[in-house]
Amino acid sequence: MNLERNLKTAITSGKVLFGSKEAEKSVKNKTAKMIVLASNFSNDFLENQRIAKVLEFPGDNLALGALCGKPFSISVVTIIDAGGSGILSR
């Protein structure tokens, strides 16, 4: 499966959150289904959590932000609802 294509589909048809603070909240609330981390992300909280699925995006935070269609860098994308994508089956 293509991570980039599935992530784009999840962003357009599902519910996703951007940023480490949002990811921390959703992990604490147990609403996060998957977390996608940029390759240059470093956060002790998220790395030490027991999340069902954590994927590392092959690019850095600038590339992840561009993939998400944002004009800024994004280090973490939290998948709450995958929508029509098959990203959770990875």
Protein backbone atom coordinates (compact mmCIF):
# COMPACT_ATOMS: atom_id res chain seq x y z
CA MET A 1 0.00 0.00 0.00
CA ASN A 2 1.11 3.50 -0.74
CA LEU A 3 1.42 5.50 2.50
CA GLU A 4 1.26 8.88 0.77
CA ARG A 5 -1.90 8.07 -1.19
CA ASN A 6 -3.63 6.53 1.85
CA LEU A 7 -2.68 9.49 4.03
CA LYS A 8 -4.07 11.97 1.50
CA THR A 9 -7.31 9.98 1.32
CA ALA A 10 -7.59 9.88 5.12
CA ILE A 11 -7.08 13.65 5.27
CA THR A 12 -9.81 14.35 2.70
CA SER A 13 -12.38 11.73 3.72
CA GLY A 14 -11.68 10.96 7.38
CA LYS A 15 -10.77 12.79 10.54
CA VAL A 16 -7.13 13.63 11.23
CA LEU A 17 -5.35 15.95 13.62
CA PHE A 18 -2.09 17.76 13.02
CA GLY A 19 0.66 18.41 15.53
CA SER A 20 2.21 16.81 18.58
CA LYS A 21 -0.05 18.53 21.13
CA GLU A 22 -3.16 17.22 19.39
CA ALA A 23 -1.56 13.78 19.18
CA GLU A 24 -0.81 13.78 22.91
CA LYS A 25 -4.42 14.72 23.71
CA SER A 26 -5.84 12.00 21.47
CA VAL A 27 -3.47 9.38 22.91
CA LYS A 28 -4.52 10.32 26.44
CA ASN A 29 -8.20 10.19 25.41
CA LYS A 30 -7.62 6.90 23.55
CA THR A 31 -9.15 8.23 20.34
CA ALA A 32 -6.01 7.87 18.18
CA LYS A 33 -6.16 4.91 15.82
CA MET A 34 -2.78 5.59 14.21
CA ILE A 35 0.02 8.12 14.45
CA VAL A 36 2.25 9.04 11.51
CA LEU A 37 5.56 10.63 12.52
CA ALA A 38 7.92 12.60 10.30
CA SER A 39 11.37 11.03 10.08
CA ASN A 40 12.94 13.91 12.01
CA PHE A 41 10.35 13.95 14.83
CA SER A 42 11.53 13.49 18.38
CA ASN A 43 9.08 13.56 21.27
CA ASP A 44 9.52 11.45 24.36
CA PHE A 45 5.81 11.38 25.20
CA LEU A 46 4.65 9.85 21.93
CA GLU A 47 7.60 7.50 21.62
CA ASN A 48 6.87 6.01 25.05
CA GLN A 49 3.13 5.51 24.56
CA ARG A 50 1.48 2.25 23.71
CA ILE A 51 -0.35 3.14 20.53
CA ALA A 52 -1.77 0.42 18.33
CA LYS A 53 -0.09 1.70 15.19
CA VAL A 54 2.75 4.15 14.70
CA LEU A 55 4.19 4.71 11.23
CA GLU A 56 7.25 6.68 10.30
CA PHE A 57 6.83 8.87 7.23
CA PRO A 58 9.95 8.57 5.06
CA GLY A 59 10.32 12.34 4.65
CA ASP A 60 10.93 15.14 7.11
CA ASN A 61 8.34 17.48 8.65
CA LEU A 62 8.44 19.84 5.65
CA ALA A 63 7.65 17.00 3.25
CA LEU A 64 4.83 15.76 5.51
CA GLY A 65 3.35 19.26 5.65
CA ALA A 66 3.46 19.52 1.86
CA LEU A 67 1.82 16.11 1.47
CA CYS A 68 -0.97 17.23 3.81
CA GLY A 69 -1.50 20.36 1.70
CA LYS A 70 -0.36 22.72 4.44
CA PRO A 71 1.99 25.70 3.94
CA PHE A 72 3.91 24.79 7.11
CA SER A 73 5.80 21.84 8.52
CA ILE A 74 3.93 19.02 10.27
CA SER A 75 5.73 16.54 12.49
CA VAL A 76 2.77 14.38 13.54
CA VAL A 77 -0.50 13.35 11.91
CA THR A 78 -3.02 11.56 14.11
CA ILE A 79 -5.63 9.39 12.42
CA ILE A 80 -8.93 9.41 14.32
CA ASP A 81 -11.07 8.11 11.44
CA ALA A 82 -9.44 6.71 8.31
CA GLY A 83 -12.38 7.56 6.06
CA GLY A 84 -12.13 5.78 2.71
CA SER A 85 -8.42 5.06 3.00
CA GLY A 86 -6.89 1.71 3.84
CA ILE A 87 -4.20 3.23 6.03
CA LEU A 88 -5.24 1.34 9.17
CA SER A 89 -4.70 -2.00 7.46
CA ARG A 90 -0.93 -1.35 7.16
